[in-house]
Amino acid sequence: MTYCVAAKLKAGLVFLSDSRTNAGLDQISTFRKMLVYERPGDRFMCLLSAGNLSISQSVREILQVEKLPDHEGGDPITIWNARSMFDAVRVLGSAVRHVYERDGESLKRAGVDFNVSMIFGGQIACEGMRLFQVYSAGNFIEATPDTPFFQIGESKYGKPVLDRVITPDTPLDEAAKCVLVSMDSTLKSNLSVGLPLDLAVYEADRLQTERITCIDEHNPYFRMLHDTWGQKLREVFDSIEDPTWDGTPTEVPLMAGSERAQPLRKITNEREKLI
């Protein structure tokens, strides 16, 4: 399993992925799930992948050479000459379908689902930043101000903090901190997600980035974040009143005085036991 997350903000883009591909009592393997495509001054693109590893590897390889016809009569479209991120993600979708057409039937005969999902985002010169989530059929959706982040893989543990923090106006470094907290929550609750992590932070309109890092268990910032997040959660939890059951006056009673609050209860008497 895996967990990948990306956020699109007014200030830029943030991408984060784990690297665990198999988890068991005696076997753990890793594989990098982030790939950055960059031509400084012209385009920056980042791809995150989840699902069947053999499928995602094949898609990544084919993406390097995949072409789409240009309806305006120009050269075939690749990720390196695409004039927009929309065209670039169309090339990615075509690569996914290419792998399905080649391997889908044989995988099905072997009882293996064609399972791959991807996040693809970036910026090409002369247009704004864009972020997409790509599905197994090669179709995709785009991030909007109402949905400024995407997750793939084991997403449920890390989603609550993203829902509460990430908005289009979130500063770039704050968003990076938030996705790392989201990952830390996932690592805490799911063995199938694991270190090391790959983080890329892209500043809007720069068309390149130096803010790419690999985070392992010795990374001082991530260790600090892990310890502090756990401690602060405990402090907030301890600051909330415990529920009261004995009628003690409180501003926030647990036992509300309404008809709906009464439980359904069946009383069994001795006669009913004999029937």
C-alpha atoms as a PDB file:
ATOM      1  CA  MET A   1       0.000   0.000   0.000  1.00  0.00           C
ATOM      2  CA  THR A   2       1.055   3.626  -0.064  1.00  0.00           C
ATOM      3  CA  TYR A   3       0.039   7.161   0.774  1.00  0.00           C
ATOM      4  CA  CYS A   4       0.609  10.160  -1.479  1.00  0.00           C
ATOM      5  CA  VAL A   5      -0.777  13.672  -1.117  1.00  0.00           C
ATOM      6  CA  ALA A   6      -0.479  16.894  -3.093  1.00  0.00           C
ATOM      7  CA  ALA A   7      -1.894  20.365  -2.540  1.00  0.00           C
ATOM      8  CA  LYS A   8      -2.416  23.282  -4.913  1.00  0.00           C
ATOM      9  CA  LEU A   9      -2.193  26.706  -3.275  1.00  0.00           C
ATOM     10  CA  LYS A  10      -1.988  30.259  -4.527  1.00  0.00           C
ATOM     11  CA  ALA A  11       1.640  30.255  -3.372  1.00  0.00           C
ATOM     12  CA  GLY A  12       2.630  27.007  -5.085  1.00  0.00           C
ATOM     13  CA  LEU A  13       2.378  23.224  -5.012  1.00  0.00           C
ATOM     14  CA  VAL A  14       3.319  20.643  -2.379  1.00  0.00           C
ATOM     15  CA  PHE A  15       3.874  16.930  -3.119  1.00  0.00           C
ATOM     16  CA  LEU A  16       4.576  14.167  -0.587  1.00  0.00           C
ATOM     17  CA  SER A  17       4.835  10.383  -0.933  1.00  0.00           C
ATOM     18  CA  ASP A  18       5.932   7.456   1.182  1.00  0.00           C
ATOM     19  CA  SER A  19       8.040   4.633  -0.270  1.00  0.00           C
ATOM     20  CA  ARG A  20       6.679   1.369   1.168  1.00  0.00           C
ATOM     21  CA  THR A  21       5.488  -1.131  -1.418  1.00  0.00           C
ATOM     22  CA  ASN A  22       5.123  -4.262   0.686  1.00  0.00           C
ATOM     23  CA  ALA A  23       4.651  -4.775   4.403  1.00  0.00           C
ATOM     24  CA  GLY A  24       4.677  -7.970   6.443  1.00  0.00           C
ATOM     25  CA  LEU A  25       6.152  -9.476   9.554  1.00  0.00           C
ATOM     26  CA  ASP A  26       9.369 -10.460   7.813  1.00  0.00           C
ATOM     27  CA  GLN A  27       9.415  -8.574   4.499  1.00  0.00           C
ATOM     28  CA  ILE A  28       9.376  -4.842   3.881  1.00  0.00           C
ATOM     29  CA  SER A  29      10.393  -3.313   0.562  1.00  0.00           C
ATOM     30  CA  THR A  30      10.565   0.256  -0.658  1.00  0.00           C
ATOM     31  CA  PHE A  31      10.305   2.046  -3.976  1.00  0.00           C
ATOM     32  CA  ARG A  32      10.330   5.739  -4.757  1.00  0.00           C
ATOM     33  CA  LYS A  33       6.835   6.839  -5.864  1.00  0.00           C
ATOM     34  CA  MET A  34       7.662  10.443  -6.776  1.00  0.00           C
ATOM     35  CA  LEU A  35       9.208  11.500 -10.062  1.00  0.00           C
ATOM     36  CA  VAL A  36       9.966  15.120 -10.989  1.00  0.00           C
ATOM     37  CA  TYR A  37      10.119  16.243 -14.631  1.00  0.00           C
ATOM     38  CA  GLU A  38      11.784  19.608 -14.970  1.00  0.00           C
ATOM     39  CA  ARG A  39      13.157  21.892 -17.655  1.00  0.00           C
ATOM     40  CA  PRO A  40      14.191  25.029 -15.731  1.00  0.00           C
ATOM     41  CA  GLY A  41      12.522  28.143 -17.052  1.00  0.00           C
ATOM     42  CA  ASP A  42      10.070  26.150 -19.188  1.00  0.00           C
ATOM     43  CA  ARG A  43       8.221  23.554 -17.095  1.00  0.00           C
ATOM     44  CA  PHE A  44       8.038  21.801 -13.743  1.00  0.00           C
ATOM     45  CA  MET A  45       5.953  18.655 -13.338  1.00  0.00           C
ATOM     46  CA  CYS A  46       5.673  16.111 -10.526  1.00  0.00           C
ATOM     47  CA  LEU A  47       4.125  12.622 -10.640  1.00  0.00           C
ATOM     48  CA  LEU A  48       3.030  10.547  -7.619  1.00  0.00           C
ATOM     49  CA  SER A  49       1.849   6.965  -8.064  1.00  0.00           C
ATOM     50  CA  ALA A  50      -0.038   4.349  -6.039  1.00  0.00           C
ATOM     51  CA  GLY A  51      -1.439   0.905  -6.739  1.00  0.00           C
ATOM     52  CA  ASN A  52       0.143  -2.070  -8.472  1.00  0.00           C
ATOM     53  CA  LEU A  53       3.880  -1.388  -8.650  1.00  0.00           C
ATOM     54  CA  SER A  54       4.478  -3.147 -11.970  1.00  0.00           C
ATOM     55  CA  ILE A  55       1.712  -1.084 -13.595  1.00  0.00           C
ATOM     56  CA  SER A  56       2.923   2.240 -12.205  1.00  0.00           C
ATOM     57  CA  GLN A  57       6.507   1.462 -13.244  1.00  0.00           C
ATOM     58  CA  SER A  58       5.352   0.675 -16.774  1.00  0.00           C
ATOM     59  CA  VAL A  59       3.327   3.885 -16.961  1.00  0.00           C
ATOM     60  CA  ARG A  60       6.288   5.952 -15.813  1.00  0.00           C
ATOM     61  CA  GLU A  61       8.550   4.424 -18.451  1.00  0.00           C
ATOM     62  CA  ILE A  62       6.033   4.786 -21.276  1.00  0.00           C
ATOM     63  CA  LEU A  63       5.278   8.372 -20.244  1.00  0.00           C
ATOM     64  CA  GLN A  64       8.806   9.324 -21.305  1.00  0.00           C
ATOM     65  CA  VAL A  65       8.061   8.387 -24.936  1.00  0.00           C
ATOM     66  CA  GLU A  66       4.243   8.524 -25.172  1.00  0.00           C
ATOM     67  CA  LYS A  67       2.870  10.842 -27.876  1.00  0.00           C
ATOM     68  CA  LEU A  68      -0.531  12.200 -28.785  1.00  0.00           C
ATOM     69  CA  PRO A  69      -1.465  13.585 -32.216  1.00  0.00           C
ATOM     70  CA  ASP A  70      -1.679  17.363 -32.406  1.00  0.00           C
ATOM     71  CA  HIS A  71      -5.069  18.283 -33.895  1.00  0.00           C
ATOM     72  CA  GLU A  72      -3.578  21.564 -35.129  1.00  0.00           C
ATOM     73  CA  GLY A  73      -1.141  19.697 -37.372  1.00  0.00           C
ATOM     74  CA  GLY A  74       1.996  20.274 -35.329  1.00  0.00           C
ATOM     75  CA  ASP A  75       4.460  17.803 -33.844  1.00  0.00           C
ATOM     76  CA  PRO A  76       3.005  14.974 -31.729  1.00  0.00           C
ATOM     77  CA  ILE A  77       2.381  16.060 -28.132  1.00  0.00           C
ATOM     78  CA  THR A  78       4.664  14.740 -25.356  1.00  0.00           C
ATOM     79  CA  ILE A  79       5.065  15.851 -21.763  1.00  0.00           C
ATOM     80  CA  TRP A  80       8.151  17.796 -22.897  1.00  0.00           C
ATOM     81  CA  ASN A  81       6.503  19.875 -25.629  1.00  0.00           C
ATOM     82  CA  ALA A  82       2.924  20.075 -24.289  1.00  0.00           C
ATOM     83  CA  ARG A  83       1.710  23.668 -24.313  1.00  0.00           C
ATOM     84  CA  SER A  84      -0.447  23.194 -21.215  1.00  0.00           C
ATOM     85  CA  MET A  85      -0.667  20.928 -18.179  1.00  0.00           C
ATOM     86  CA  PHE A  86      -4.000  19.730 -19.559  1.00  0.00           C
ATOM     87  CA  ASP A  87      -2.223  18.371 -22.641  1.00  0.00           C
ATOM     88  CA  ALA A  88       0.504  16.878 -20.442  1.00  0.00           C
ATOM     89  CA  VAL A  89      -2.008  14.993 -18.291  1.00  0.00           C
ATOM     90  CA  ARG A  90      -3.716  13.773 -21.471  1.00  0.00           C
ATOM     91  CA  VAL A  91      -0.386  12.200 -22.416  1.00  0.00           C
ATOM     92  CA  LEU A  92      -0.253  10.562 -18.974  1.00  0.00           C
ATOM     93  CA  GLY A  93      -3.788   9.218 -19.400  1.00  0.00           C
ATOM     94  CA  SER A  94      -2.787   7.803 -22.783  1.00  0.00           C
ATOM     95  CA  ALA A  95       0.207   6.071 -21.172  1.00  0.00           C
ATOM     96  CA  VAL A  96      -2.092   4.457 -18.590  1.00  0.00           C
ATOM     97  CA  ARG A  97      -4.389   3.176 -21.357  1.00  0.00           C
ATOM     98  CA  HIS A  98      -1.359   1.979 -23.337  1.00  0.00           C
ATOM     99  CA  VAL A  99      -0.299  -0.231 -20.404  1.00  0.00           C
ATOM    100  CA  TYR A 100      -3.864  -1.478 -19.950  1.00  0.00           C
ATOM    101  CA  GLU A 101      -4.149  -2.459 -23.607  1.00  0.00           C
ATOM    102  CA  ARG A 102      -0.817  -4.269 -23.410  1.00  0.00           C
ATOM    103  CA  ASP A 103      -1.130  -5.984 -19.993  1.00  0.00           C
ATOM    104  CA  GLY A 104      -4.754  -5.710 -18.864  1.00  0.00           C
ATOM    105  CA  GLU A 105      -6.019  -8.987 -20.304  1.00  0.00           C
ATOM    106  CA  SER A 106      -3.084 -11.058 -19.072  1.00  0.00           C
ATOM    107  CA  LEU A 107      -3.359  -9.498 -15.616  1.00  0.00           C
ATOM    108  CA  LYS A 108      -7.055 -10.347 -15.546  1.00  0.00           C
ATOM    109  CA  ARG A 109      -6.336 -13.980 -16.438  1.00  0.00           C
ATOM    110  CA  ALA A 110      -3.871 -14.083 -13.549  1.00  0.00           C
ATOM    111  CA  GLY A 111      -6.509 -12.698 -11.175  1.00  0.00           C
ATOM    112  CA  VAL A 112      -4.795  -9.321 -10.799  1.00  0.00           C
ATOM    113  CA  ASP A 113      -6.831  -6.118 -10.985  1.00  0.00           C
ATOM    114  CA  PHE A 114      -5.547  -3.275 -13.145  1.00  0.00           C
ATOM    115  CA  ASN A 115      -5.045  -0.985 -10.162  1.00  0.00           C
ATOM    116  CA  VAL A 116      -3.153   2.282 -10.500  1.00  0.00           C
ATOM    117  CA  SER A 117      -3.854   5.850  -9.423  1.00  0.00           C
ATOM    118  CA  MET A 118      -1.703   8.922  -9.845  1.00  0.00           C
ATOM    119  CA  ILE A 119      -1.395  12.576  -8.929  1.00  0.00           C
ATOM    120  CA  PHE A 120       0.165  14.794 -11.576  1.00  0.00           C
ATOM    121  CA  GLY A 121       0.726  18.513 -11.256  1.00  0.00           C
ATOM    122  CA  GLY A 122       2.998  21.368 -12.127  1.00  0.00           C
ATOM    123  CA  GLN A 123       3.312  24.432 -14.300  1.00  0.00           C
ATOM    124  CA  ILE A 124       4.254  25.115 -17.901  1.00  0.00           C
ATOM    125  CA  ALA A 125       5.442  28.551 -19.012  1.00  0.00           C
ATOM    126  CA  CYS A 126       2.662  30.978 -20.015  1.00  0.00           C
ATOM    127  CA  GLU A 127      -0.041  29.273 -17.914  1.00  0.00           C
ATOM    128  CA  GLY A 128      -0.882  28.870 -14.248  1.00  0.00           C
ATOM    129  CA  MET A 129      -0.246  25.885 -11.995  1.00  0.00           C
ATOM    130  CA  ARG A 130      -2.567  22.874 -12.298  1.00  0.00           C
ATOM    131  CA  LEU A 131      -3.048  19.662 -10.318  1.00  0.00           C
ATOM    132  CA  PHE A 132      -4.789  16.461 -11.463  1.00  0.00           C
ATOM    133  CA  GLN A 133      -5.760  13.067 -10.096  1.00  0.00           C
ATOM    134  CA  VAL A 134      -5.561  10.279 -12.690  1.00  0.00           C
ATOM    135  CA  TYR A 135      -7.535   7.025 -12.451  1.00  0.00           C
ATOM    136  CA  SER A 136      -6.995   3.476 -13.752  1.00  0.00           C
ATOM    137  CA  ALA A 137      -8.975   4.205 -16.929  1.00  0.00           C
ATOM    138  CA  GLY A 138      -6.688   7.116 -17.804  1.00  0.00           C
ATOM    139  CA  ASN A 139      -9.381   9.684 -17.031  1.00  0.00           C
ATOM    140  CA  PHE A 140      -8.698  12.498 -14.598  1.00  0.00           C
ATOM    141  CA  ILE A 141     -10.097  15.327 -12.499  1.00  0.00           C
ATOM    142  CA  GLU A 142      -8.553  18.698 -11.658  1.00  0.00           C
ATOM    143  CA  ALA A 143      -8.086  20.381  -8.288  1.00  0.00           C
ATOM    144  CA  THR A 144     -10.256  23.450  -7.640  1.00  0.00           C
ATOM    145  CA  PRO A 145     -10.407  26.091  -4.896  1.00  0.00           C
ATOM    146  CA  ASP A 146     -13.080  23.934  -3.228  1.00  0.00           C
ATOM    147  CA  THR A 147     -10.864  20.838  -3.477  1.00  0.00           C
ATOM    148  CA  PRO A 148      -7.277  22.112  -3.206  1.00  0.00           C
ATOM    149  CA  PHE A 149      -5.647  18.760  -2.416  1.00  0.00           C
ATOM    150  CA  PHE A 150      -5.659  15.175  -3.659  1.00  0.00           C
ATOM    151  CA  GLN A 151      -4.767  11.929  -1.879  1.00  0.00           C
ATOM    152  CA  ILE A 152      -4.168   8.456  -3.254  1.00  0.00           C
ATOM    153  CA  GLY A 153      -3.521   5.190  -1.460  1.00  0.00           C
ATOM    154  CA  GLU A 154      -4.194   4.885   2.267  1.00  0.00           C
ATOM    155  CA  SER A 155      -5.795   8.301   2.599  1.00  0.00           C
ATOM    156  CA  LYS A 156      -8.300   8.055   5.451  1.00  0.00           C
ATOM    157  CA  TYR A 157      -5.911   8.543   8.378  1.00  0.00           C
ATOM    158  CA  GLY A 158      -4.338  11.713   7.016  1.00  0.00           C
ATOM    159  CA  LYS A 159      -7.441  13.428   5.653  1.00  0.00           C
ATOM    160  CA  PRO A 160      -8.872  15.077   8.823  1.00  0.00           C
ATOM    161  CA  VAL A 161      -5.927  17.422   9.343  1.00  0.00           C
ATOM    162  CA  LEU A 162      -5.903  18.390   5.647  1.00  0.00           C
ATOM    163  CA  ASP A 163      -9.633  19.185   5.763  1.00  0.00           C
ATOM    164  CA  ARG A 164      -9.098  21.493   8.738  1.00  0.00           C
ATOM    165  CA  VAL A 165      -5.971  23.302   7.544  1.00  0.00           C
ATOM    166  CA  ILE A 166      -5.492  23.363   3.765  1.00  0.00           C
ATOM    167  CA  THR A 167      -7.132  26.178   1.796  1.00  0.00           C
ATOM    168  CA  PRO A 168      -5.919  27.966  -1.354  1.00  0.00           C
ATOM    169  CA  ASP A 169      -4.585  30.768   0.879  1.00  0.00           C
ATOM    170  CA  THR A 170      -2.462  28.499   3.086  1.00  0.00           C
ATOM    171  CA  PRO A 171       1.211  29.588   2.989  1.00  0.00           C
ATOM    172  CA  LEU A 172       3.560  27.183   1.256  1.00  0.00           C
ATOM    173  CA  ASP A 173       5.657  26.191   4.281  1.00  0.00           C
ATOM    174  CA  GLU A 174       2.538  25.794   6.424  1.00  0.00           C
ATOM    175  CA  ALA A 175       1.075  23.478   3.784  1.00  0.00           C
ATOM    176  CA  ALA A 176       4.297  21.452   3.763  1.00  0.00           C
ATOM    177  CA  LYS A 177       4.031  21.108   7.532  1.00  0.00           C
ATOM    178  CA  CYS A 178       0.385  20.060   7.218  1.00  0.00           C
ATOM    179  CA  VAL A 179       1.016  17.295   4.662  1.00  0.00           C
ATOM    180  CA  LEU A 180       3.853  15.987   6.853  1.00  0.00           C
ATOM    181  CA  VAL A 181       1.481  15.850   9.841  1.00  0.00           C
ATOM    182  CA  SER A 182      -1.011  14.075   7.590  1.00  0.00           C
ATOM    183  CA  MET A 183       1.672  11.537   6.670  1.00  0.00           C
ATOM    184  CA  ASP A 184       2.734  11.132  10.306  1.00  0.00           C
ATOM    185  CA  SER A 185      -0.864  10.311  11.284  1.00  0.00           C
ATOM    186  CA  THR A 186      -0.962   7.689   8.523  1.00  0.00           C
ATOM    187  CA  LEU A 187       2.374   6.168   9.544  1.00  0.00           C
ATOM    188  CA  LYS A 188       1.104   5.917  13.124  1.00  0.00           C
ATOM    189  CA  SER A 189      -2.036   3.992  12.151  1.00  0.00           C
ATOM    190  CA  ASN A 190      -1.056   1.882   9.151  1.00  0.00           C
ATOM    191  CA  LEU A 191       1.852  -0.529   8.776  1.00  0.00           C
ATOM    192  CA  SER A 192       1.574  -0.555   4.985  1.00  0.00           C
ATOM    193  CA  VAL A 193       2.832   3.057   4.777  1.00  0.00           C
ATOM    194  CA  GLY A 194       6.428   3.741   5.705  1.00  0.00           C
ATOM    195  CA  LEU A 195       9.570   5.832   5.559  1.00  0.00           C
ATOM    196  CA  PRO A 196      11.505   7.185   3.757  1.00  0.00           C
ATOM    197  CA  LEU A 197       9.339  10.008   2.410  1.00  0.00           C
ATOM    198  CA  ASP A 198       9.845  12.193  -0.646  1.00  0.00           C
ATOM    199  CA  LEU A 199       8.808  15.849  -0.391  1.00  0.00           C
ATOM    200  CA  ALA A 200       8.776  18.442  -3.187  1.00  0.00           C
ATOM    201  CA  VAL A 201       7.709  22.055  -2.681  1.00  0.00           C
ATOM    202  CA  TYR A 202       7.237  24.256  -5.748  1.00  0.00           C
ATOM    203  CA  GLU A 203       6.902  28.052  -5.628  1.00  0.00           C
ATOM    204  CA  ALA A 204       4.441  29.500  -8.149  1.00  0.00           C
ATOM    205  CA  ASP A 205       5.890  30.771 -11.472  1.00  0.00           C
ATOM    206  CA  ARG A 206       9.474  29.662 -10.761  1.00  0.00           C
ATOM    207  CA  LEU A 207       9.326  26.770 -13.279  1.00  0.00           C
ATOM    208  CA  GLN A 208      11.901  24.844 -11.242  1.00  0.00           C
ATOM    209  CA  THR A 209      12.569  23.993  -7.609  1.00  0.00           C
ATOM    210  CA  GLU A 210      15.459  23.180  -5.324  1.00  0.00           C
ATOM    211  CA  ARG A 211      13.121  22.296  -2.450  1.00  0.00           C
ATOM    212  CA  ILE A 212      13.123  18.516  -2.885  1.00  0.00           C
ATOM    213  CA  THR A 213      14.185  16.214  -0.073  1.00  0.00           C
ATOM    214  CA  CYS A 214      14.100  12.618   1.104  1.00  0.00           C
ATOM    215  CA  ILE A 215      13.052  12.182   4.738  1.00  0.00           C
ATOM    216  CA  ASP A 216      14.142   9.125   6.729  1.00  0.00           C
ATOM    217  CA  GLU A 217      13.835   8.176  10.401  1.00  0.00           C
ATOM    218  CA  HIS A 218      16.875  10.313  11.263  1.00  0.00           C
ATOM    219  CA  ASN A 219      15.503  13.555   9.790  1.00  0.00           C
ATOM    220  CA  PRO A 220      15.539  16.079  12.688  1.00  0.00           C
ATOM    221  CA  TYR A 221      12.538  18.107  11.506  1.00  0.00           C
ATOM    222  CA  PHE A 222      10.296  15.080  10.979  1.00  0.00           C
ATOM    223  CA  ARG A 223      11.304  13.592  14.342  1.00  0.00           C
ATOM    224  CA  MET A 224      10.480  16.922  16.023  1.00  0.00           C
ATOM    225  CA  LEU A 225       7.137  17.140  14.186  1.00  0.00           C
ATOM    226  CA  HIS A 226       6.238  13.557  15.154  1.00  0.00           C
ATOM    227  CA  ASP A 227       6.991  14.127  18.847  1.00  0.00           C
ATOM    228  CA  THR A 228       5.382  17.580  19.006  1.00  0.00           C
ATOM    229  CA  TRP A 229       2.202  16.570  17.165  1.00  0.00           C
ATOM    230  CA  GLY A 230       1.626  13.642  19.512  1.00  0.00           C
ATOM    231  CA  GLN A 231       2.289  15.790  22.576  1.00  0.00           C
ATOM    232  CA  LYS A 232       0.032  18.659  21.444  1.00  0.00           C
ATOM    233  CA  LEU A 233      -2.802  16.272  20.565  1.00  0.00           C
ATOM    234  CA  ARG A 234      -2.589  14.824  24.067  1.00  0.00           C
ATOM    235  CA  GLU A 235      -2.606  18.298  25.622  1.00  0.00           C
ATOM    236  CA  VAL A 236      -5.704  19.336  23.636  1.00  0.00           C
ATOM    237  CA  PHE A 237      -7.424  16.054  24.514  1.00  0.00           C
ATOM    238  CA  ASP A 238      -6.679  16.501  28.210  1.00  0.00           C
ATOM    239  CA  SER A 239      -8.048  20.060  28.122  1.00  0.00           C
ATOM    240  CA  ILE A 240     -11.539  18.868  27.093  1.00  0.00           C
ATOM    241  CA  GLU A 241     -13.949  18.066  29.940  1.00  0.00           C
ATOM    242  CA  ASP A 242     -14.788  14.440  30.639  1.00  0.00           C
ATOM    243  CA  PRO A 243     -18.475  13.453  30.249  1.00  0.00           C
ATOM    244  CA  THR A 244     -20.607  13.459  33.428  1.00  0.00           C
ATOM    245  CA  TRP A 245     -23.314  10.873  34.177  1.00  0.00           C
ATOM    246  CA  ASP A 246     -24.456  11.683  37.703  1.00  0.00           C
ATOM    247  CA  GLY A 247     -26.501  14.817  37.063  1.00  0.00           C
ATOM    248  CA  THR A 248     -23.717  17.198  38.002  1.00  0.00           C
ATOM    249  CA  PRO A 249     -24.501  20.615  36.493  1.00  0.00           C
ATOM    250  CA  THR A 250     -22.395  21.344  33.423  1.00  0.00           C
ATOM    251  CA  GLU A 251     -22.593  23.722  30.480  1.00  0.00           C
ATOM    252  CA  VAL A 252     -22.219  20.834  28.026  1.00  0.00           C
ATOM    253  CA  PRO A 253     -24.132  17.851  29.432  1.00  0.00           C
ATOM    254  CA  LEU A 254     -23.721  14.498  27.717  1.00  0.00           C
ATOM    255  CA  MET A 255     -27.203  13.310  28.721  1.00  0.00           C
ATOM    256  CA  ALA A 256     -29.413  15.820  26.910  1.00  0.00           C
ATOM    257  CA  GLY A 257     -33.010  16.109  28.091  1.00  0.00           C
ATOM    258  CA  SER A 258     -34.908  15.253  24.916  1.00  0.00           C
ATOM    259  CA  GLU A 259     -37.203  12.402  23.909  1.00  0.00           C
ATOM    260  CA  ARG A 260     -34.886  11.331  21.118  1.00  0.00           C
ATOM    261  CA  ALA A 261     -32.017  11.030  23.604  1.00  0.00           C
ATOM    262  CA  GLN A 262     -33.821   8.194  25.436  1.00  0.00           C
ATOM    263  CA  PRO A 263     -32.474   4.752  24.466  1.00  0.00           C
ATOM    264  CA  LEU A 264     -34.667   1.917  23.228  1.00  0.00           C
ATOM    265  CA  ARG A 265     -34.646  -0.623  26.013  1.00  0.00           C
ATOM    266  CA  LYS A 266     -36.206  -4.073  26.311  1.00  0.00           C
ATOM    267  CA  ILE A 267     -36.981  -5.278  29.825  1.00  0.00           C
ATOM    268  CA  THR A 268     -37.011  -9.054  30.154  1.00  0.00           C
ATOM    269  CA  ASN A 269     -39.105 -10.413  33.058  1.00  0.00           C
ATOM    270  CA  GLU A 270     -39.252 -13.960  34.418  1.00  0.00           C
ATOM    271  CA  ARG A 271     -42.421 -14.857  32.454  1.00  0.00           C
ATOM    272  CA  GLU A 272     -40.779 -13.896  29.133  1.00  0.00           C
ATOM    273  CA  LYS A 273     -37.784 -16.047  29.959  1.00  0.00           C
ATOM    274  CA  LEU A 274     -40.047 -19.095  30.207  1.00  0.00           C
ATOM    275  CA  ILE A 275     -41.743 -18.618  26.813  1.00  0.00           C
END
